[in-house]
Amino acid sequence: MQGRIHSLESFGTVDGPGTRFVVFVQGCPMRCAYCHNPDTWAMNGGTLMEPEYVYEQYKRNESFYKNGGITVTGGEPLMQIDFLIDLFTLAKKDNVHTCIDSSGIAYNPDNAPLIAKLDKLMELTDLVMLDIKHIDPAKHKELTMQPNEPILAFAAYLNEKQVDMWIRHVVVPGITDDDKYLFDLGYFIGQFTNLKALDVLPYHTMGENKYEKLGISYKLAGVPPMDKNLIPAKKEVILNGIRKRRSEINSQ
């Protein structure tokens, strides 16, 4: 099973625990307004690679990853689930830590063949970094052109399977920085026992030049980068939502 690969990064430090070998897959149905990798959107782009070849690239610098492992990001990794199963099968034979950085948009509980494959993949996956773009359904669709119901359902699925989950949320001025929605996000994820970390990331404009090169209109033109000094307070709002939900669960 070949995968469509956008690129390989040999030294990733923000893609899971430790130093990671990062596989950027090609193809994504999401159209996030702040996406800094619009060149990964096209489903038919990238370079076809065998999982054995990709794993061989990891093995070349294996000593660098003793406290890390392999992360597959994108694009949307779960659009290429067969490739992931093959790649992670190779990795787990050597007890390599495996991580998927996903939006969860590919999740469909009514698709039995997909769920069967996903169940198999989760047995090979140590960590899923799940990007929740917006907790409000209407605002999520406005921001990404996709619904958030599959994403929230995927979070519940990961909890059911007890696969470690890190939540990532990008704070964009005037779009995802409203304290009500940040609290609601925390309240939602507070129910999950597999939640291991929360990454709250400031919006930046470093990917804007890619849109110009690709001839794509940048929807957030004029929106300033998020003030990094405000991020701790925004994260605290989400944490308050988590605490509220867990307090309610514990009192039941």
Protein backbone atom coordinates (compact mmCIF):
# COMPACT_ATOMS: atom_id res chain seq x y z
CA MET A 1 0.00 0.00 0.00
CA GLN A 2 1.59 3.24 -1.17
CA GLY A 3 0.93 6.55 0.49
CA ARG A 4 0.76 9.98 -1.06
CA ILE A 5 3.43 11.87 0.82
CA HIS A 6 3.95 15.61 0.77
CA SER A 7 7.28 15.58 2.62
CA LEU A 8 9.37 13.96 5.34
CA GLU A 9 10.93 15.85 8.24
CA SER A 10 13.81 14.24 10.08
CA PHE A 11 13.86 16.43 13.19
CA GLY A 12 10.44 17.40 14.54
CA THR A 13 10.18 18.78 18.07
CA VAL A 14 6.54 19.96 18.22
CA ASP A 15 4.81 16.88 16.85
CA GLY A 16 4.50 14.72 19.93
CA PRO A 17 6.79 13.70 22.79
CA GLY A 18 10.54 13.87 22.21
CA THR A 19 12.27 14.25 18.88
CA ARG A 20 10.13 12.89 16.05
CA PHE A 21 10.43 11.67 12.49
CA VAL A 22 7.49 13.44 10.86
CA VAL A 23 5.58 12.21 7.82
CA PHE A 24 3.45 14.85 6.08
CA VAL A 25 0.81 13.08 4.02
CA GLN A 26 -0.88 14.67 1.04
CA GLY A 27 -4.60 15.35 0.89
CA CYS A 28 -7.10 16.99 3.24
CA PRO A 29 -10.86 17.72 3.00
CA MET A 30 -10.63 20.53 5.56
CA ARG A 31 -10.17 24.12 4.39
CA CYS A 32 -9.15 25.81 7.61
CA ALA A 33 -8.89 29.55 7.12
CA TYR A 34 -5.58 29.65 9.00
CA CYS A 35 -4.04 26.47 7.52
CA HIS A 36 -0.31 27.01 6.98
CA ASN A 37 0.01 24.00 4.65
CA PRO A 38 -2.47 24.65 1.81
CA ASP A 39 -0.06 22.82 -0.48
CA THR A 40 -1.15 19.58 1.26
CA TRP A 41 -4.85 19.96 0.35
CA ALA A 42 -4.93 18.32 -3.09
CA MET A 43 -5.81 14.62 -2.82
CA ASN A 44 -3.92 13.65 -5.98
CA GLY A 45 -0.66 15.46 -5.23
CA GLY A 46 2.45 14.42 -3.39
CA THR A 47 4.88 11.58 -4.07
CA LEU A 48 3.90 7.93 -3.88
CA MET A 49 5.99 6.11 -1.27
CA GLU A 50 5.98 2.60 0.13
CA PRO A 51 5.67 2.31 3.93
CA GLU A 52 8.91 0.29 3.89
CA TYR A 53 10.72 3.20 2.25
CA VAL A 54 9.35 5.72 4.76
CA TYR A 55 10.29 3.50 7.68
CA GLU A 56 13.76 3.05 6.25
CA GLN A 57 14.20 6.83 6.35
CA TYR A 58 13.28 6.73 10.03
CA LYS A 59 15.76 3.93 10.72
CA ARG A 60 18.62 5.92 9.19
CA ASN A 61 18.58 8.32 12.15
CA GLU A 62 16.97 6.04 14.71
CA SER A 63 19.37 7.05 17.49
CA PHE A 64 17.98 10.61 17.40
CA TYR A 65 14.48 9.36 18.19
CA LYS A 66 15.12 7.20 21.27
CA ASN A 67 12.85 9.46 23.36
CA GLY A 68 10.50 10.22 20.45
CA GLY A 69 9.18 8.23 17.53
CA ILE A 70 7.15 8.64 14.34
CA THR A 71 4.38 11.18 13.82
CA VAL A 72 2.13 11.21 10.76
CA THR A 73 0.51 14.57 10.06
CA GLY A 74 -0.62 16.33 6.93
CA GLY A 75 -2.84 16.89 5.22
CA GLU A 76 -5.16 14.50 6.95
CA PRO A 77 -3.54 11.16 7.84
CA LEU A 78 -6.80 9.26 8.27
CA MET A 79 -7.56 9.75 4.56
CA GLN A 80 -4.78 7.19 4.01
CA ILE A 81 -5.59 4.69 6.73
CA ASP A 82 -4.27 1.61 4.90
CA PHE A 83 -0.86 3.24 4.53
CA LEU A 84 -0.84 4.14 8.22
CA ILE A 85 -1.65 0.59 9.24
CA ASP A 86 1.25 -0.75 7.19
CA LEU A 87 3.69 1.91 8.41
CA PHE A 88 2.73 1.56 12.07
CA THR A 89 2.87 -2.24 11.83
CA LEU A 90 6.53 -1.89 10.87
CA ALA A 91 7.11 0.61 13.67
CA LYS A 92 5.50 -1.43 16.43
CA LYS A 93 7.59 -4.48 15.53
CA ASP A 94 10.50 -2.38 16.82
CA ASN A 95 8.44 -0.87 19.66
CA VAL A 96 8.62 2.61 18.11
CA HIS A 97 6.27 5.23 19.59
CA THR A 98 3.58 6.11 17.02
CA CYS A 99 1.55 9.30 16.83
CA ILE A 100 -1.14 10.65 14.49
CA ASP A 101 -1.81 14.39 14.21
CA SER A 102 -5.37 14.54 12.90
CA SER A 103 -8.40 16.78 12.54
CA GLY A 104 -10.66 13.73 12.94
CA ILE A 105 -12.78 14.80 9.95
CA ALA A 106 -12.51 11.37 8.29
CA TYR A 107 -14.29 9.63 11.17
CA ASN A 108 -17.64 8.07 10.24
CA PRO A 109 -19.20 5.68 12.78
CA ASP A 110 -21.70 4.46 10.17
CA ASN A 111 -18.96 3.20 7.84
CA ALA A 112 -18.34 -0.34 9.14
CA PRO A 113 -15.31 -1.12 6.89
CA LEU A 114 -13.69 2.17 7.94
CA ILE A 115 -14.29 1.49 11.63
CA ALA A 116 -12.79 -2.00 11.29
CA LYS A 117 -9.64 -0.49 9.81
CA LEU A 118 -9.61 2.28 12.38
CA ASP A 119 -9.88 -0.26 15.20
CA LYS A 120 -6.84 -2.02 13.78
CA LEU A 121 -4.92 1.24 13.43
CA MET A 122 -5.69 2.27 17.01
CA GLU A 123 -4.12 -0.96 18.27
CA LEU A 124 -0.89 0.28 16.64
CA THR A 125 -1.20 3.92 17.75
CA ASP A 126 0.24 5.28 21.00
CA LEU A 127 -1.02 8.85 20.73
CA VAL A 128 -3.46 10.93 18.71
CA MET A 129 -3.01 14.68 18.62
CA LEU A 130 -6.50 15.90 17.80
CA ASP A 131 -7.00 19.41 16.44
CA ILE A 132 -10.36 20.84 17.47
CA LYS A 133 -10.74 24.02 15.45
CA HIS A 134 -13.95 25.35 17.02
CA ILE A 135 -16.44 23.82 19.44
CA ASP A 136 -19.44 25.66 17.94
CA PRO A 137 -20.84 23.74 14.91
CA ALA A 138 -21.80 26.81 12.85
CA LYS A 139 -18.58 28.69 13.52
CA HIS A 140 -16.55 25.54 12.86
CA LYS A 141 -18.14 25.16 9.44
CA GLU A 142 -17.51 28.82 8.68
CA LEU A 143 -13.87 28.44 9.72
CA THR A 144 -13.10 25.11 8.03
CA MET A 145 -15.90 24.48 5.48
CA GLN A 146 -16.56 21.18 7.28
CA PRO A 147 -18.84 20.13 10.18
CA ASN A 148 -17.37 19.41 13.59
CA GLU A 149 -19.70 16.52 14.50
CA PRO A 150 -17.34 13.82 13.10
CA ILE A 151 -14.43 15.41 14.96
CA LEU A 152 -16.18 15.47 18.32
CA ALA A 153 -17.39 11.90 17.74
CA PHE A 154 -13.82 10.87 16.98
CA ALA A 155 -12.70 12.27 20.33
CA ALA A 156 -15.31 10.07 22.03
CA TYR A 157 -14.13 7.08 19.97
CA LEU A 158 -10.52 7.61 21.09
CA ASN A 159 -11.71 7.69 24.69
CA GLU A 160 -13.64 4.47 24.17
CA LYS A 161 -10.49 2.83 22.77
CA GLN A 162 -8.39 4.44 25.52
CA VAL A 163 -5.84 5.78 23.06
CA ASP A 164 -3.89 8.66 24.59
CA MET A 165 -5.17 12.00 23.25
CA TRP A 166 -3.62 15.45 23.13
CA ILE A 167 -5.99 18.27 22.20
CA ARG A 168 -4.68 21.11 20.09
CA HIS A 169 -6.51 24.40 19.65
CA VAL A 170 -5.36 27.45 17.71
CA VAL A 171 -6.43 30.80 19.15
CA VAL A 172 -7.22 33.31 16.39
CA PRO A 173 -8.04 36.93 17.33
CA GLY A 174 -11.75 37.61 16.86
CA ILE A 175 -12.47 34.05 15.68
CA THR A 176 -11.54 31.40 18.25
CA ASP A 177 -10.58 33.55 21.24
CA ASP A 178 -14.07 33.99 22.73
CA ASP A 179 -13.98 32.84 26.36
CA LYS A 180 -17.44 31.28 26.12
CA TYR A 181 -16.37 28.90 23.39
CA LEU A 182 -13.01 28.22 25.02
CA PHE A 183 -14.82 27.22 28.22
CA ASP A 184 -17.25 25.08 26.18
CA LEU A 185 -14.29 23.34 24.54
CA GLY A 186 -12.82 22.56 27.95
CA TYR A 187 -16.18 21.35 29.22
CA PHE A 188 -16.47 18.98 26.26
CA ILE A 189 -13.01 17.44 26.53
CA GLY A 190 -13.21 17.31 30.34
CA GLN A 191 -15.33 14.15 30.13
CA PHE A 192 -12.53 12.08 28.59
CA THR A 193 -10.23 9.94 30.74
CA ASN A 194 -7.69 9.52 27.90
CA LEU A 195 -6.92 13.26 27.75
CA LYS A 196 -3.19 13.59 28.41
CA ALA A 197 -2.32 17.13 27.29
CA LEU A 198 -3.73 20.40 26.00
CA ASP A 199 -1.81 22.54 23.52
CA VAL A 200 -3.16 26.07 23.06
CA LEU A 201 -1.38 27.66 20.14
CA PRO A 202 -1.27 31.30 19.02
CA TYR A 203 -2.36 32.02 15.46
CA HIS A 204 0.48 33.18 13.21
CA THR A 205 0.65 34.46 9.63
CA MET A 206 3.79 32.61 8.50
CA GLY A 207 1.87 30.53 5.96
CA GLU A 208 0.26 33.51 4.21
CA ASN A 209 2.96 33.70 1.54
CA LYS A 210 2.17 30.12 0.46
CA TYR A 211 -1.33 31.24 -0.53
CA GLU A 212 0.11 33.95 -2.74
CA LYS A 213 2.40 31.45 -4.47
CA LEU A 214 -0.49 29.01 -4.99
CA GLY A 215 -2.84 31.74 -6.20
CA ILE A 216 -5.30 31.06 -3.35
CA SER A 217 -7.14 33.83 -1.53
CA TYR A 218 -6.11 34.04 2.13
CA LYS A 219 -9.33 34.35 4.13
CA LEU A 220 -7.69 35.84 7.22
CA ALA A 221 -5.81 38.60 5.44
CA GLY A 222 -5.49 41.49 7.87
CA VAL A 223 -6.03 39.40 10.98
CA PRO A 224 -3.03 40.04 13.26
CA PRO A 225 -1.03 37.24 14.89
CA MET A 226 -2.29 36.25 18.32
CA ASP A 227 -0.47 37.92 21.19
CA LYS A 228 1.50 35.06 22.79
CA ASN A 229 1.28 36.77 26.16
CA LEU A 230 -2.50 36.19 26.16
CA ILE A 231 -2.26 32.44 25.55
CA PRO A 232 -1.80 31.37 29.21
CA ALA A 233 -5.04 33.14 30.16
CA LYS A 234 -6.90 31.59 27.24
CA LYS A 235 -5.60 28.15 28.18
CA GLU A 236 -6.78 28.73 31.74
CA VAL A 237 -10.33 29.32 30.45
CA ILE A 238 -10.24 25.92 28.72
CA LEU A 239 -8.80 24.32 31.86
CA ASN A 240 -11.67 25.83 33.88
CA GLY A 241 -14.10 24.11 31.55
CA ILE A 242 -12.26 20.82 32.05
CA ARG A 243 -12.34 21.24 35.83
CA LYS A 244 -16.06 22.04 35.78
CA ARG A 245 -16.90 18.91 33.78
CA ARG A 246 -14.71 16.66 35.92
CA SER A 247 -16.15 18.11 39.10
CA GLU A 248 -19.65 17.29 37.88
CA ILE A 249 -18.61 13.74 36.92
CA ASN A 250 -16.92 13.15 40.28
CA SER A 251 -19.99 14.36 42.18
CA GLN A 252 -22.34 11.94 40.43
